[in-house]
Amino acid sequence: MKATILHIKNLVQKRKYRITLHAEQERDTDQITKEEIEGALLSDKLEIIEDYPNDPRGHSYLLLGFTNNDKPIHFVCGLGTVEMLIVITLYIPDENLWVDYKKRRL
């Protein structure tokens, strides 16, 4: 998983990522800036919390990152067949649904 995180960060640093329309809508709803997106994806705290190898859209991951102000952001991202990170959706995780933003509450 560490290699995947490093690959994701490398793509973000090279600006080789695309934010889907759905992710843009969620970004707007949760008032997340593009700077916060990049900051959270490049953060030392970025981690994969769920792995979706059988996603019909292609292998994807649920990531947890934190902005410079420690605001948590969840990202569902896919690594396409080309050297591009696809941000499928992103949102501020609801504390009522997540334990430490990492584990789903039952």
C-alpha atoms as a PDB file:
ATOM      1  CA  MET A   1       0.000   0.000   0.000  1.00  0.00           C
ATOM      2  CA  LYS A   2       2.897   2.351   0.674  1.00  0.00           C
ATOM      3  CA  ALA A   3       3.951   2.135  -2.984  1.00  0.00           C
ATOM      4  CA  THR A   4       0.405   3.056  -4.037  1.00  0.00           C
ATOM      5  CA  ILE A   5       0.430   6.113  -1.748  1.00  0.00           C
ATOM      6  CA  LEU A   6       3.787   7.208  -3.183  1.00  0.00           C
ATOM      7  CA  HIS A   7       2.451   6.729  -6.726  1.00  0.00           C
ATOM      8  CA  ILE A   8      -0.658   8.805  -5.931  1.00  0.00           C
ATOM      9  CA  LYS A   9       1.459  11.605  -4.445  1.00  0.00           C
ATOM     10  CA  ASN A  10       3.761  11.538  -7.463  1.00  0.00           C
ATOM     11  CA  LEU A  11       0.803  11.932  -9.832  1.00  0.00           C
ATOM     12  CA  VAL A  12      -0.603  14.818  -7.775  1.00  0.00           C
ATOM     13  CA  GLN A  13       2.795  16.563  -7.696  1.00  0.00           C
ATOM     14  CA  LYS A  14       2.960  16.258 -11.493  1.00  0.00           C
ATOM     15  CA  ARG A  15      -0.651  17.499 -11.711  1.00  0.00           C
ATOM     16  CA  LYS A  16      -1.635  14.260 -13.416  1.00  0.00           C
ATOM     17  CA  TYR A  17      -5.047  13.968 -11.826  1.00  0.00           C
ATOM     18  CA  ARG A  18      -8.598  14.638 -12.884  1.00  0.00           C
ATOM     19  CA  ILE A  19     -11.566  15.511 -10.691  1.00  0.00           C
ATOM     20  CA  THR A  20     -14.860  14.098 -11.968  1.00  0.00           C
ATOM     21  CA  LEU A  21     -17.987  16.227 -12.228  1.00  0.00           C
ATOM     22  CA  HIS A  22     -19.457  14.343  -9.264  1.00  0.00           C
ATOM     23  CA  ALA A  23     -16.346  15.096  -7.175  1.00  0.00           C
ATOM     24  CA  GLU A  24     -16.555  18.773  -8.200  1.00  0.00           C
ATOM     25  CA  GLN A  25     -20.173  18.872  -7.013  1.00  0.00           C
ATOM     26  CA  GLU A  26     -19.231  17.282  -3.679  1.00  0.00           C
ATOM     27  CA  ARG A  27     -16.273  19.656  -3.375  1.00  0.00           C
ATOM     28  CA  ASP A  28     -18.627  22.587  -3.831  1.00  0.00           C
ATOM     29  CA  THR A  29     -21.170  21.184  -1.343  1.00  0.00           C
ATOM     30  CA  ASP A  30     -18.530  20.644   1.351  1.00  0.00           C
ATOM     31  CA  GLN A  31     -16.690  23.874   0.448  1.00  0.00           C
ATOM     32  CA  ILE A  32     -13.363  22.149  -0.135  1.00  0.00           C
ATOM     33  CA  THR A  33     -10.835  24.204  -2.076  1.00  0.00           C
ATOM     34  CA  LYS A  34      -8.563  22.809  -4.753  1.00  0.00           C
ATOM     35  CA  GLU A  35      -5.618  23.777  -2.552  1.00  0.00           C
ATOM     36  CA  GLU A  36      -7.081  21.667   0.258  1.00  0.00           C
ATOM     37  CA  ILE A  37      -7.484  18.740  -2.141  1.00  0.00           C
ATOM     38  CA  GLU A  38      -3.850  18.885  -3.192  1.00  0.00           C
ATOM     39  CA  GLY A  39      -2.671  19.485   0.364  1.00  0.00           C
ATOM     40  CA  ALA A  40      -4.591  16.485   1.693  1.00  0.00           C
ATOM     41  CA  LEU A  41      -3.432  14.206  -1.139  1.00  0.00           C
ATOM     42  CA  LEU A  42       0.179  15.247  -0.554  1.00  0.00           C
ATOM     43  CA  SER A  43      -0.042  15.114   3.244  1.00  0.00           C
ATOM     44  CA  ASP A  44       2.182  12.804   5.274  1.00  0.00           C
ATOM     45  CA  LYS A  45      -1.022  11.529   6.883  1.00  0.00           C
ATOM     46  CA  LEU A  46      -2.519  10.248   3.598  1.00  0.00           C
ATOM     47  CA  GLU A  47      -3.565   6.628   3.917  1.00  0.00           C
ATOM     48  CA  ILE A  48      -5.634   3.999   2.166  1.00  0.00           C
ATOM     49  CA  ILE A  49      -8.508   2.974   4.418  1.00  0.00           C
ATOM     50  CA  GLU A  50     -10.420   0.753   1.975  1.00  0.00           C
ATOM     51  CA  ASP A  51      -9.364  -1.052  -1.193  1.00  0.00           C
ATOM     52  CA  TYR A  52     -11.847  -1.785  -3.998  1.00  0.00           C
ATOM     53  CA  PRO A  53     -10.025  -4.094  -6.447  1.00  0.00           C
ATOM     54  CA  ASN A  54     -13.287  -5.233  -8.077  1.00  0.00           C
ATOM     55  CA  ASP A  55     -14.816  -1.796  -8.661  1.00  0.00           C
ATOM     56  CA  PRO A  56     -16.554  -1.914 -12.080  1.00  0.00           C
ATOM     57  CA  ARG A  57     -14.917   1.435 -12.917  1.00  0.00           C
ATOM     58  CA  GLY A  58     -11.487  -0.066 -12.258  1.00  0.00           C
ATOM     59  CA  HIS A  59      -9.385  -0.611  -9.147  1.00  0.00           C
ATOM     60  CA  SER A  60     -10.083   2.203  -6.705  1.00  0.00           C
ATOM     61  CA  TYR A  61      -9.319   3.193  -3.137  1.00  0.00           C
ATOM     62  CA  LEU A  62     -10.909   5.108  -0.291  1.00  0.00           C
ATOM     63  CA  LEU A  63      -8.238   7.478   0.981  1.00  0.00           C
ATOM     64  CA  LEU A  64      -8.107   9.615   4.094  1.00  0.00           C
ATOM     65  CA  GLY A  65      -6.079  12.789   3.943  1.00  0.00           C
ATOM     66  CA  PHE A  66      -5.847  15.893   6.084  1.00  0.00           C
ATOM     67  CA  THR A  67      -5.497  19.500   4.995  1.00  0.00           C
ATOM     68  CA  ASN A  68      -2.856  21.815   6.457  1.00  0.00           C
ATOM     69  CA  ASN A  69      -5.526  22.806   9.012  1.00  0.00           C
ATOM     70  CA  ASP A  70      -6.155  19.132   9.904  1.00  0.00           C
ATOM     71  CA  LYS A  71      -9.532  19.012   8.163  1.00  0.00           C
ATOM     72  CA  PRO A  72     -10.191  15.370   7.182  1.00  0.00           C
ATOM     73  CA  ILE A  73     -11.156  14.574   3.599  1.00  0.00           C
ATOM     74  CA  HIS A  74     -12.184  11.228   2.159  1.00  0.00           C
ATOM     75  CA  PHE A  75     -11.349  10.587  -1.480  1.00  0.00           C
ATOM     76  CA  VAL A  76     -12.430   7.718  -3.686  1.00  0.00           C
ATOM     77  CA  CYS A  77      -9.747   7.568  -6.349  1.00  0.00           C
ATOM     78  CA  GLY A  78      -8.941   5.287  -9.225  1.00  0.00           C
ATOM     79  CA  LEU A  79      -5.674   4.742 -10.982  1.00  0.00           C
ATOM     80  CA  GLY A  80      -6.586   4.525 -14.645  1.00  0.00           C
ATOM     81  CA  THR A  81      -4.773   2.651 -17.357  1.00  0.00           C
ATOM     82  CA  VAL A  82      -2.901   5.829 -18.217  1.00  0.00           C
ATOM     83  CA  GLU A  83      -0.678   7.661 -15.750  1.00  0.00           C
ATOM     84  CA  MET A  84      -3.588   9.597 -14.267  1.00  0.00           C
ATOM     85  CA  LEU A  85      -5.272   9.693 -10.873  1.00  0.00           C
ATOM     86  CA  ILE A  86      -9.051   9.971 -11.131  1.00  0.00           C
ATOM     87  CA  VAL A  87     -10.762  11.572  -8.129  1.00  0.00           C
ATOM     88  CA  ILE A  88     -14.175   9.920  -8.353  1.00  0.00           C
ATOM     89  CA  THR A  89     -15.616  11.619  -5.288  1.00  0.00           C
ATOM     90  CA  LEU A  90     -14.478  13.464  -2.191  1.00  0.00           C
ATOM     91  CA  TYR A  91     -16.187  14.635   0.949  1.00  0.00           C
ATOM     92  CA  ILE A  92     -15.768  15.600   4.584  1.00  0.00           C
ATOM     93  CA  PRO A  93     -16.435  12.380   6.532  1.00  0.00           C
ATOM     94  CA  ASP A  94     -19.324  12.501   8.999  1.00  0.00           C
ATOM     95  CA  GLU A  95     -18.099  11.758  12.540  1.00  0.00           C
ATOM     96  CA  ASN A  96     -21.393   9.960  13.207  1.00  0.00           C
ATOM     97  CA  LEU A  97     -20.588   7.452  10.446  1.00  0.00           C
ATOM     98  CA  TRP A  98     -16.850   6.972  11.021  1.00  0.00           C
ATOM     99  CA  VAL A  99     -14.596   6.077  13.939  1.00  0.00           C
ATOM    100  CA  ASP A 100     -11.461   8.258  13.710  1.00  0.00           C
ATOM    101  CA  TYR A 101     -12.484   8.882  10.077  1.00  0.00           C
ATOM    102  CA  LYS A 102     -11.032   5.435   9.277  1.00  0.00           C
ATOM    103  CA  LYS A 103     -13.544   2.769  10.240  1.00  0.00           C
ATOM    104  CA  ARG A 104     -17.231   2.683   9.412  1.00  0.00           C
ATOM    105  CA  ARG A 105     -19.539   2.679  12.421  1.00  0.00           C
ATOM    106  CA  LEU A 106     -21.916  -0.277  12.482  1.00  0.00           C
END
